[in-house]
Amino acid sequence: MTFTLAQLAPHLGSIFVVHTHAGMIKLQMVDVRELPRRSLPEGFRTPLSLLFSGPETPQLVQDNYTFDHPALGRQVWTTTPVHIAATAPATGMLLRYEVLFS
């Protein structure tokens, strides 16, 4: 399925269940934004970035993971670790992961 900003933005802050080799973990979508189109022809989608926050363990490596969400269904997305927070926010989620759509 091809997602747009309009489809994903309402789910900002929601929890996704991610299937990993260590079992299922919960990631919270903390940011969704369009990226610059640069010189993409009109026929191509506008690139999107989804940023997720997750627990300290397990730490996910770059890989394809199955994401489950009650409104968006089951999706397989390539996920990349991008940041470790210096201190845990109120949610206790320290790690950040990005999913890019181009």
PDB file of N, CA and C in Angstrom:
ATOM      1  N   MET A   1       0.829  -1.173   0.000  1.00  0.00           N
ATOM      2  CA  MET A   1       0.000   0.000   0.000  1.00  0.00           C
ATOM      3  C   MET A   1       0.882   1.248   0.000  1.00  0.00           C
ATOM      4  N   THR A   2       0.501   2.245  -0.764  1.00  0.00           N
ATOM      5  CA  THR A   2       1.214   3.506  -0.816  1.00  0.00           C
ATOM      6  C   THR A   2       0.535   4.494   0.126  1.00  0.00           C
ATOM      7  N   PHE A   3       1.275   4.963   1.120  1.00  0.00           N
ATOM      8  CA  PHE A   3       0.727   5.887   2.106  1.00  0.00           C
ATOM      9  C   PHE A   3       1.071   7.325   1.763  1.00  0.00           C
ATOM     10  N   THR A   4       0.213   8.229   2.219  1.00  0.00           N
ATOM     11  CA  THR A   4       0.444   9.663   2.071  1.00  0.00           C
ATOM     12  C   THR A   4       0.520  10.292   3.458  1.00  0.00           C
ATOM     13  N   LEU A   5       0.989  11.523   3.501  1.00  0.00           N
ATOM     14  CA  LEU A   5       1.039  12.255   4.755  1.00  0.00           C
ATOM     15  C   LEU A   5      -0.364  12.368   5.366  1.00  0.00           C
ATOM     16  N   ALA A   6      -1.352  12.623   4.537  1.00  0.00           N
ATOM     17  CA  ALA A   6      -2.725  12.766   5.028  1.00  0.00           C
ATOM     18  C   ALA A   6      -3.235  11.479   5.686  1.00  0.00           C
ATOM     19  N   GLN A   7      -2.805  10.329   5.204  1.00  0.00           N
ATOM     20  CA  GLN A   7      -3.226   9.055   5.783  1.00  0.00           C
ATOM     21  C   GLN A   7      -2.503   8.745   7.088  1.00  0.00           C
ATOM     22  N   LEU A   8      -1.244   9.159   7.194  1.00  0.00           N
ATOM     23  CA  LEU A   8      -0.425   8.788   8.344  1.00  0.00           C
ATOM     24  C   LEU A   8      -0.466   9.802   9.485  1.00  0.00           C
ATOM     25  N   ALA A   9      -0.594  11.079   9.173  1.00  0.00           N
ATOM     26  CA  ALA A   9      -0.544  12.123  10.201  1.00  0.00           C
ATOM     27  C   ALA A   9      -1.565  11.930  11.324  1.00  0.00           C
ATOM     28  N   PRO A  10      -2.786  11.470  11.053  1.00  0.00           N
ATOM     29  CA  PRO A  10      -3.736  11.283  12.153  1.00  0.00           C
ATOM     30  C   PRO A  10      -3.299  10.235  13.183  1.00  0.00           C
ATOM     31  N   HIS A  11      -2.314   9.413  12.831  1.00  0.00           N
ATOM     32  CA  HIS A  11      -1.859   8.350  13.723  1.00  0.00           C
ATOM     33  C   HIS A  11      -0.590   8.720  14.489  1.00  0.00           C
ATOM     34  N   LEU A  12      -0.192   9.978  14.388  1.00  0.00           N
ATOM     35  CA  LEU A  12       0.953  10.472  15.147  1.00  0.00           C
ATOM     36  C   LEU A  12       0.686  10.238  16.637  1.00  0.00           C
ATOM     37  N   GLY A  13       1.641   9.661  17.320  1.00  0.00           N
ATOM     38  CA  GLY A  13       1.492   9.358  18.743  1.00  0.00           C
ATOM     39  C   GLY A  13       0.928   7.982  19.018  1.00  0.00           C
ATOM     40  N   SER A  14       0.462   7.291  17.991  1.00  0.00           N
ATOM     41  CA  SER A  14      -0.114   5.973  18.228  1.00  0.00           C
ATOM     42  C   SER A  14       0.970   4.900  18.291  1.00  0.00           C
ATOM     43  N   ILE A  15       0.561   3.763  18.836  1.00  0.00           N
ATOM     44  CA  ILE A  15       1.474   2.637  19.055  1.00  0.00           C
ATOM     45  C   ILE A  15       1.328   1.609  17.934  1.00  0.00           C
ATOM     46  N   PHE A  16       2.455   1.130  17.459  1.00  0.00           N
ATOM     47  CA  PHE A  16       2.529   0.060  16.470  1.00  0.00           C
ATOM     48  C   PHE A  16       3.178  -1.140  17.147  1.00  0.00           C
ATOM     49  N   VAL A  17       2.659  -2.328  16.906  1.00  0.00           N
ATOM     50  CA  VAL A  17       3.278  -3.557  17.401  1.00  0.00           C
ATOM     51  C   VAL A  17       4.177  -4.073  16.287  1.00  0.00           C
ATOM     52  N   VAL A  18       5.451  -4.284  16.612  1.00  0.00           N
ATOM     53  CA  VAL A  18       6.444  -4.688  15.621  1.00  0.00           C
ATOM     54  C   VAL A  18       6.926  -6.093  15.947  1.00  0.00           C
ATOM     55  N   HIS A  19       6.921  -6.952  14.935  1.00  0.00           N
ATOM     56  CA  HIS A  19       7.372  -8.334  15.092  1.00  0.00           C
ATOM     57  C   HIS A  19       8.877  -8.382  14.824  1.00  0.00           C
ATOM     58  N   THR A  20       9.637  -8.827  15.822  1.00  0.00           N
ATOM     59  CA  THR A  20      11.097  -8.894  15.714  1.00  0.00           C
ATOM     60  C   THR A  20      11.563 -10.306  16.044  1.00  0.00           C
ATOM     61  N   HIS A  21      12.855 -10.554  15.861  1.00  0.00           N
ATOM     62  CA  HIS A  21      13.423 -11.855  16.225  1.00  0.00           C
ATOM     63  C   HIS A  21      13.370 -12.084  17.734  1.00  0.00           C
ATOM     64  N   ALA A  22      13.290 -11.000  18.501  1.00  0.00           N
ATOM     65  CA  ALA A  22      13.232 -11.091  19.967  1.00  0.00           C
ATOM     66  C   ALA A  22      11.797 -11.104  20.478  1.00  0.00           C
ATOM     67  N   GLY A  23      10.821 -11.168  19.573  1.00  0.00           N
ATOM     68  CA  GLY A  23       9.421 -11.134  19.961  1.00  0.00           C
ATOM     69  C   GLY A  23       8.787  -9.814  19.529  1.00  0.00           C
ATOM     70  N   MET A  24       7.592  -9.565  20.011  1.00  0.00           N
ATOM     71  CA  MET A  24       6.884  -8.344  19.634  1.00  0.00           C
ATOM     72  C   MET A  24       7.256  -7.207  20.581  1.00  0.00           C
ATOM     73  N   ILE A  25       7.471  -6.023  19.987  1.00  0.00           N
ATOM     74  CA  ILE A  25       7.722  -4.825  20.787  1.00  0.00           C
ATOM     75  C   ILE A  25       6.789  -3.720  20.307  1.00  0.00           C
ATOM     76  N   LYS A  26       6.633  -2.705  21.125  1.00  0.00           N
ATOM     77  CA  LYS A  26       5.793  -1.567  20.771  1.00  0.00           C
ATOM     78  C   LYS A  26       6.667  -0.377  20.432  1.00  0.00           C
ATOM     79  N   LEU A  27       6.370   0.242  19.293  1.00  0.00           N
ATOM     80  CA  LEU A  27       7.017   1.487  18.886  1.00  0.00           C
ATOM     81  C   LEU A  27       5.942   2.553  18.751  1.00  0.00           C
ATOM     82  N   GLN A  28       6.269   3.761  19.184  1.00  0.00           N
ATOM     83  CA  GLN A  28       5.336   4.877  19.076  1.00  0.00           C
ATOM     84  C   GLN A  28       5.773   5.791  17.943  1.00  0.00           C
ATOM     85  N   MET A  29       4.846   6.126  17.041  1.00  0.00           N
ATOM     86  CA  MET A  29       5.171   7.053  15.961  1.00  0.00           C
ATOM     87  C   MET A  29       5.216   8.467  16.540  1.00  0.00           C
ATOM     88  N   VAL A  30       6.405   9.081  16.509  1.00  0.00           N
ATOM     89  CA  VAL A  30       6.600  10.396  17.127  1.00  0.00           C
ATOM     90  C   VAL A  30       6.751  11.522  16.112  1.00  0.00           C
ATOM     91  N   ASP A  31       6.893  11.186  14.841  1.00  0.00           N
ATOM     92  CA  ASP A  31       6.990  12.224  13.811  1.00  0.00           C
ATOM     93  C   ASP A  31       6.646  11.603  12.462  1.00  0.00           C
ATOM     94  N   VAL A  32       5.982  12.371  11.634  1.00  0.00           N
ATOM     95  CA  VAL A  32       5.721  11.998  10.237  1.00  0.00           C
ATOM     96  C   VAL A  32       5.822  13.274   9.422  1.00  0.00           C
ATOM     97  N   ARG A  33       6.613  13.244   8.353  1.00  0.00           N
ATOM     98  CA  ARG A  33       6.796  14.454   7.554  1.00  0.00           C
ATOM     99  C   ARG A  33       7.143  14.107   6.115  1.00  0.00           C
ATOM    100  N   GLU A  34       6.778  15.027   5.240  1.00  0.00           N
ATOM    101  CA  GLU A  34       7.189  14.919   3.848  1.00  0.00           C
ATOM    102  C   GLU A  34       8.614  15.420   3.723  1.00  0.00           C
ATOM    103  N   LEU A  35       9.361  14.811   2.835  1.00  0.00           N
ATOM    104  CA  LEU A  35      10.738  15.221   2.553  1.00  0.00           C
ATOM    105  C   LEU A  35      10.765  15.998   1.243  1.00  0.00           C
ATOM    106  N   PRO A  36      11.800  16.789   1.020  1.00  0.00           N
ATOM    107  CA  PRO A  36      11.869  17.572  -0.221  1.00  0.00           C
ATOM    108  C   PRO A  36      11.814  16.670  -1.459  1.00  0.00           C
ATOM    109  N   ARG A  37      11.102  17.125  -2.457  1.00  0.00           N
ATOM    110  CA  ARG A  37      10.958  16.359  -3.702  1.00  0.00           C
ATOM    111  C   ARG A  37      12.198  16.460  -4.584  1.00  0.00           C
ATOM    112  N   ARG A  38      12.985  17.505  -4.357  1.00  0.00           N
ATOM    113  CA  ARG A  38      14.150  17.795  -5.200  1.00  0.00           C
ATOM    114  C   ARG A  38      13.711  17.819  -6.659  1.00  0.00           C
ATOM    115  N   SER A  39      14.238  16.967  -7.484  1.00  0.00           N
ATOM    116  CA  SER A  39      13.879  17.016  -8.915  1.00  0.00           C
ATOM    117  C   SER A  39      13.049  15.800  -9.337  1.00  0.00           C
ATOM    118  N   LEU A  40      12.278  15.243  -8.420  1.00  0.00           N
ATOM    119  CA  LEU A  40      11.443  14.096  -8.767  1.00  0.00           C
ATOM    120  C   LEU A  40      10.386  14.484  -9.789  1.00  0.00           C
ATOM    121  N   PRO A  41      10.196  13.676 -10.811  1.00  0.00           N
ATOM    122  CA  PRO A  41       9.111  13.945 -11.765  1.00  0.00           C
ATOM    123  C   PRO A  41       7.749  13.847 -11.073  1.00  0.00           C
ATOM    124  N   GLU A  42       6.750  14.497 -11.622  1.00  0.00           N
ATOM    125  CA  GLU A  42       5.411  14.536 -11.037  1.00  0.00           C
ATOM    126  C   GLU A  42       4.818  13.151 -10.798  1.00  0.00           C
ATOM    127  N   GLY A  43       5.168  12.180 -11.591  1.00  0.00           N
ATOM    128  CA  GLY A  43       4.599  10.845 -11.462  1.00  0.00           C
ATOM    129  C   GLY A  43       5.062  10.086 -10.226  1.00  0.00           C
ATOM    130  N   PHE A  44       6.071  10.595  -9.530  1.00  0.00           N
ATOM    131  CA  PHE A  44       6.616   9.927  -8.349  1.00  0.00           C
ATOM    132  C   PHE A  44       6.000  10.515  -7.086  1.00  0.00           C
ATOM    133  N   ARG A  45       5.854   9.686  -6.079  1.00  0.00           N
ATOM    134  CA  ARG A  45       5.289  10.124  -4.801  1.00  0.00           C
ATOM    135  C   ARG A  45       6.236  11.086  -4.088  1.00  0.00           C
ATOM    136  N   THR A  46       5.694  11.887  -3.209  1.00  0.00           N
ATOM    137  CA  THR A  46       6.504  12.747  -2.353  1.00  0.00           C
ATOM    138  C   THR A  46       7.103  11.872  -1.261  1.00  0.00           C
ATOM    139  N   PRO A  47       8.422  11.896  -1.067  1.00  0.00           N
ATOM    140  CA  PRO A  47       9.043  11.057  -0.041  1.00  0.00           C
ATOM    141  C   PRO A  47       8.518  11.399   1.353  1.00  0.00           C
ATOM    142  N   LEU A  48       8.390  10.376   2.183  1.00  0.00           N
ATOM    143  CA  LEU A  48       7.914  10.524   3.555  1.00  0.00           C
ATOM    144  C   LEU A  48       8.918   9.927   4.519  1.00  0.00           C
ATOM    145  N   SER A  49       8.967  10.494   5.713  1.00  0.00           N
ATOM    146  CA  SER A  49       9.768   9.956   6.808  1.00  0.00           C
ATOM    147  C   SER A  49       8.855   9.736   8.008  1.00  0.00           C
ATOM    148  N   LEU A  50       8.902   8.530   8.566  1.00  0.00           N
ATOM    149  CA  LEU A  50       8.208   8.216   9.814  1.00  0.00           C
ATOM    150  C   LEU A  50       9.275   7.987  10.867  1.00  0.00           C
ATOM    151  N   LEU A  51       9.118   8.609  12.016  1.00  0.00           N
ATOM    152  CA  LEU A  51      10.058   8.430  13.114  1.00  0.00           C
ATOM    153  C   LEU A  51       9.322   7.752  14.263  1.00  0.00           C
ATOM    154  N   PHE A  52       9.925   6.689  14.784  1.00  0.00           N
ATOM    155  CA  PHE A  52       9.342   5.916  15.873  1.00  0.00           C
ATOM    156  C   PHE A  52      10.264   5.946  17.080  1.00  0.00           C
ATOM    157  N   SER A  53       9.674   5.868  18.243  1.00  0.00           N
ATOM    158  CA  SER A  53      10.404   5.778  19.493  1.00  0.00           C
ATOM    159  C   SER A  53      10.148   4.401  20.070  1.00  0.00           C
ATOM    160  N   GLY A  54      11.209   3.799  20.639  1.00  0.00           N
ATOM    161  CA  GLY A  54      11.069   2.448  21.167  1.00  0.00           C
ATOM    162  C   GLY A  54      11.829   2.244  22.455  1.00  0.00           C
ATOM    163  N   PRO A  55      11.627   1.081  23.083  1.00  0.00           N
ATOM    164  CA  PRO A  55      12.284   0.784  24.355  1.00  0.00           C
ATOM    165  C   PRO A  55      13.788   0.590  24.182  1.00  0.00           C
ATOM    166  N   GLU A  56      14.480   0.648  25.305  1.00  0.00           N
ATOM    167  CA  GLU A  56      15.937   0.501  25.297  1.00  0.00           C
ATOM    168  C   GLU A  56      16.372  -0.869  24.787  1.00  0.00           C
ATOM    169  N   THR A  57      15.606  -1.882  25.108  1.00  0.00           N
ATOM    170  CA  THR A  57      15.906  -3.233  24.628  1.00  0.00           C
ATOM    171  C   THR A  57      14.617  -3.888  24.168  1.00  0.00           C
ATOM    172  N   PRO A  58      14.647  -4.691  23.146  1.00  0.00           N
ATOM    173  CA  PRO A  58      15.812  -4.987  22.306  1.00  0.00           C
ATOM    174  C   PRO A  58      16.100  -3.826  21.351  1.00  0.00           C
ATOM    175  N   GLN A  59      17.351  -3.702  20.967  1.00  0.00           N
ATOM    176  CA  GLN A  59      17.729  -2.699  19.983  1.00  0.00           C
ATOM    177  C   GLN A  59      17.616  -3.334  18.605  1.00  0.00           C
ATOM    178  N   LEU A  60      16.830  -2.718  17.751  1.00  0.00           N
ATOM    179  CA  LEU A  60      16.625  -3.259  16.412  1.00  0.00           C
ATOM    180  C   LEU A  60      17.740  -2.814  15.476  1.00  0.00           C
ATOM    181  N   VAL A  61      18.126  -3.694  14.588  1.00  0.00           N
ATOM    182  CA  VAL A  61      19.094  -3.366  13.549  1.00  0.00           C
ATOM    183  C   VAL A  61      18.313  -3.010  12.286  1.00  0.00           C
ATOM    184  N   GLN A  62      18.994  -2.445  11.307  1.00  0.00           N
ATOM    185  CA  GLN A  62      18.310  -2.141  10.047  1.00  0.00           C
ATOM    186  C   GLN A  62      17.841  -3.436   9.430  1.00  0.00           C
ATOM    187  N   ASP A  63      16.549  -3.508   9.151  1.00  0.00           N
ATOM    188  CA  ASP A  63      15.971  -4.733   8.612  1.00  0.00           C
ATOM    189  C   ASP A  63      14.527  -4.459   8.207  1.00  0.00           C
ATOM    190  N   ASN A  64      13.894  -5.436   7.613  1.00  0.00           N
ATOM    191  CA  ASN A  64      12.471  -5.374   7.308  1.00  0.00           C
ATOM    192  C   ASN A  64      11.721  -5.963   8.488  1.00  0.00           C
ATOM    193  N   TYR A  65      10.731  -5.226   8.999  1.00  0.00           N
ATOM    194  CA  TYR A  65       9.934  -5.669  10.137  1.00  0.00           C
ATOM    195  C   TYR A  65       8.455  -5.558   9.792  1.00  0.00           C
ATOM    196  N   THR A  66       7.672  -6.453  10.360  1.00  0.00           N
ATOM    197  CA  THR A  66       6.229  -6.409  10.206  1.00  0.00           C
ATOM    198  C   THR A  66       5.658  -5.519  11.300  1.00  0.00           C
ATOM    199  N   PHE A  67       4.918  -4.484  10.889  1.00  0.00           N
ATOM    200  CA  PHE A  67       4.271  -3.533  11.783  1.00  0.00           C
ATOM    201  C   PHE A  67       2.774  -3.814  11.766  1.00  0.00           C
ATOM    202  N   ASP A  68       2.160  -3.875  12.934  1.00  0.00           N
ATOM    203  CA  ASP A  68       0.706  -3.997  13.047  1.00  0.00           C
ATOM    204  C   ASP A  68       0.144  -2.742  13.691  1.00  0.00           C
ATOM    205  N   HIS A  69      -0.930  -2.233  13.102  1.00  0.00           N
ATOM    206  CA  HIS A  69      -1.619  -1.056  13.642  1.00  0.00           C
ATOM    207  C   HIS A  69      -3.121  -1.258  13.436  1.00  0.00           C
ATOM    208  N   PRO A  70      -3.942  -0.930  14.449  1.00  0.00           N
ATOM    209  CA  PRO A  70      -5.371  -1.199  14.325  1.00  0.00           C
ATOM    210  C   PRO A  70      -6.049  -0.514  13.136  1.00  0.00           C
ATOM    211  N   ALA A  71      -5.602   0.674  12.760  1.00  0.00           N
ATOM    212  CA  ALA A  71      -6.238   1.393  11.648  1.00  0.00           C
ATOM    213  C   ALA A  71      -5.520   1.196  10.312  1.00  0.00           C
ATOM    214  N   LEU A  72      -4.212   0.949  10.352  1.00  0.00           N
ATOM    215  CA  LEU A  72      -3.425   0.843   9.121  1.00  0.00           C
ATOM    216  C   LEU A  72      -3.169  -0.586   8.693  1.00  0.00           C
ATOM    217  N   GLY A  73      -3.505  -1.540   9.549  1.00  0.00           N
ATOM    218  CA  GLY A  73      -3.314  -2.940   9.207  1.00  0.00           C
ATOM    219  C   GLY A  73      -1.883  -3.402   9.389  1.00  0.00           C
ATOM    220  N   ARG A  74      -1.546  -4.462   8.689  1.00  0.00           N
ATOM    221  CA  ARG A  74      -0.206  -5.067   8.764  1.00  0.00           C
ATOM    222  C   ARG A  74       0.608  -4.610   7.567  1.00  0.00           C
ATOM    223  N   GLN A  75       1.807  -4.090   7.861  1.00  0.00           N
ATOM    224  CA  GLN A  75       2.710  -3.589   6.831  1.00  0.00           C
ATOM    225  C   GLN A  75       4.120  -4.110   7.107  1.00  0.00           C
ATOM    226  N   VAL A  76       4.878  -4.349   6.061  1.00  0.00           N
ATOM    227  CA  VAL A  76       6.296  -4.689   6.207  1.00  0.00           C
ATOM    228  C   VAL A  76       7.085  -3.463   5.754  1.00  0.00           C
ATOM    229  N   TRP A  77       7.845  -2.879   6.704  1.00  0.00           N
ATOM    230  CA  TRP A  77       8.596  -1.666   6.427  1.00  0.00           C
ATOM    231  C   TRP A  77      10.069  -1.862   6.770  1.00  0.00           C
ATOM    232  N   THR A  78      10.942  -1.315   5.928  1.00  0.00           N
ATOM    233  CA  THR A  78      12.366  -1.291   6.217  1.00  0.00           C
ATOM    234  C   THR A  78      12.592  -0.215   7.276  1.00  0.00           C
ATOM    235  N   THR A  79      13.229  -0.621   8.365  1.00  0.00           N
ATOM    236  CA  THR A  79      13.397   0.237   9.532  1.00  0.00           C
ATOM    237  C   THR A  79      14.879   0.391   9.838  1.00  0.00           C
ATOM    238  N   THR A  80      15.288   1.622  10.137  1.00  0.00           N
ATOM    239  CA  THR A  80      16.693   1.924  10.413  1.00  0.00           C
ATOM    240  C   THR A  80      16.817   2.624  11.761  1.00  0.00           C
ATOM    241  N   PRO A  81      17.727   2.158  12.636  1.00  0.00           N
ATOM    242  CA  PRO A  81      17.966   2.906  13.874  1.00  0.00           C
ATOM    243  C   PRO A  81      18.639   4.234  13.531  1.00  0.00           C
ATOM    244  N   VAL A  82      18.174   5.326  14.164  1.00  0.00           N
ATOM    245  CA  VAL A  82      18.731   6.635  13.829  1.00  0.00           C
ATOM    246  C   VAL A  82      19.204   7.440  15.026  1.00  0.00           C
ATOM    247  N   HIS A  83      18.785   7.086  16.264  1.00  0.00           N
ATOM    248  CA  HIS A  83      19.130   7.951  17.390  1.00  0.00           C
ATOM    249  C   HIS A  83      18.869   7.230  18.708  1.00  0.00           C
ATOM    250  N   ILE A  84      19.719   7.522  19.689  1.00  0.00           N
ATOM    251  CA  ILE A  84      19.479   7.073  21.058  1.00  0.00           C
ATOM    252  C   ILE A  84      19.357   8.329  21.912  1.00  0.00           C
ATOM    253  N   ALA A  85      18.218   8.494  22.562  1.00  0.00           N
ATOM    254  CA  ALA A  85      17.989   9.681  23.400  1.00  0.00           C
ATOM    255  C   ALA A  85      18.913   9.653  24.610  1.00  0.00           C
ATOM    256  N   ALA A  86      19.393  10.825  25.018  1.00  0.00           N
ATOM    257  CA  ALA A  86      20.289  10.916  26.174  1.00  0.00           C
ATOM    258  C   ALA A  86      19.547  10.570  27.465  1.00  0.00           C
ATOM    259  N   THR A  87      18.306  10.965  27.569  1.00  0.00           N
ATOM    260  CA  THR A  87      17.490  10.637  28.736  1.00  0.00           C
ATOM    261  C   THR A  87      16.137  10.146  28.263  1.00  0.00           C
ATOM    262  N   ALA A  88      15.553   9.278  29.037  1.00  0.00           N
ATOM    263  CA  ALA A  88      14.261   8.721  28.656  1.00  0.00           C
ATOM    264  C   ALA A  88      13.159   9.745  28.874  1.00  0.00           C
ATOM    265  N   PRO A  89      12.324   9.977  27.858  1.00  0.00           N
ATOM    266  CA  PRO A  89      11.165  10.831  28.066  1.00  0.00           C
ATOM    267  C   PRO A  89      10.155  10.126  28.964  1.00  0.00           C
ATOM    268  N   ALA A  90       9.051  10.770  29.259  1.00  0.00           N
ATOM    269  CA  ALA A  90       8.037  10.210  30.160  1.00  0.00           C
ATOM    270  C   ALA A  90       7.554   8.839  29.710  1.00  0.00           C
ATOM    271  N   THR A  91       7.617   8.558  28.409  1.00  0.00           N
ATOM    272  CA  THR A  91       7.155   7.273  27.894  1.00  0.00           C
ATOM    273  C   THR A  91       8.145   6.145  28.179  1.00  0.00           C
ATOM    274  N   GLY A  92       9.389   6.476  28.559  1.00  0.00           N
ATOM    275  CA  GLY A  92      10.405   5.455  28.782  1.00  0.00           C
ATOM    276  C   GLY A  92      11.002   4.919  27.495  1.00  0.00           C
ATOM    277  N   MET A  93      10.668   5.514  26.356  1.00  0.00           N
ATOM    278  CA  MET A  93      11.165   5.046  25.068  1.00  0.00           C
ATOM    279  C   MET A  93      12.421   5.825  24.706  1.00  0.00           C
ATOM    280  N   LEU A  94      13.530   5.115  24.546  1.00  0.00           N
ATOM    281  CA  LEU A  94      14.832   5.746  24.339  1.00  0.00           C
ATOM    282  C   LEU A  94      15.315   5.747  22.896  1.00  0.00           C
ATOM    283  N   LEU A  95      15.024   4.694  22.175  1.00  0.00           N
ATOM    284  CA  LEU A  95      15.595   4.527  20.847  1.00  0.00           C
ATOM    285  C   LEU A  95      14.681   5.099  19.783  1.00  0.00           C
ATOM    286  N   ARG A  96      15.286   5.591  18.692  1.00  0.00           N
ATOM    287  CA  ARG A  96      14.523   6.138  17.584  1.00  0.00           C
ATOM    288  C   ARG A  96      14.817   5.330  16.326  1.00  0.00           C
ATOM    289  N   TYR A  97      13.765   5.099  15.575  1.00  0.00           N
ATOM    290  CA  TYR A  97      13.871   4.349  14.306  1.00  0.00           C
ATOM    291  C   TYR A  97      13.155   5.121  13.215  1.00  0.00           C
ATOM    292  N   GLU A  98      13.679   5.018  11.991  1.00  0.00           N
ATOM    293  CA  GLU A  98      13.070   5.719  10.869  1.00  0.00           C
ATOM    294  C   GLU A  98      12.640   4.744   9.804  1.00  0.00           C
ATOM    295  N   VAL A  99      11.484   5.040   9.209  1.00  0.00           N
ATOM    296  CA  VAL A  99      10.976   4.340   8.030  1.00  0.00           C
ATOM    297  C   VAL A  99      10.842   5.398   6.945  1.00  0.00           C
ATOM    298  N   LEU A 100      11.458   5.162   5.787  1.00  0.00           N
ATOM    299  CA  LEU A 100      11.404   6.111   4.683  1.00  0.00           C
ATOM    300  C   LEU A 100      10.592   5.527   3.538  1.00  0.00           C
ATOM    301  N   PHE A 101       9.757   6.364   2.947  1.00  0.00           N
ATOM    302  CA  PHE A 101       9.039   6.014   1.729  1.00  0.00           C
ATOM    303  C   PHE A 101       9.505   6.972   0.645  1.00  0.00           C
ATOM    304  N   SER A 102       9.987   6.407  -0.468  1.00  0.00           N
ATOM    305  CA  SER A 102      10.422   7.289  -1.553  1.00  0.00           C
ATOM    306  C   SER A 102       9.814   6.840  -2.852  1.00  0.00           C
TER     307      SER A 102
END
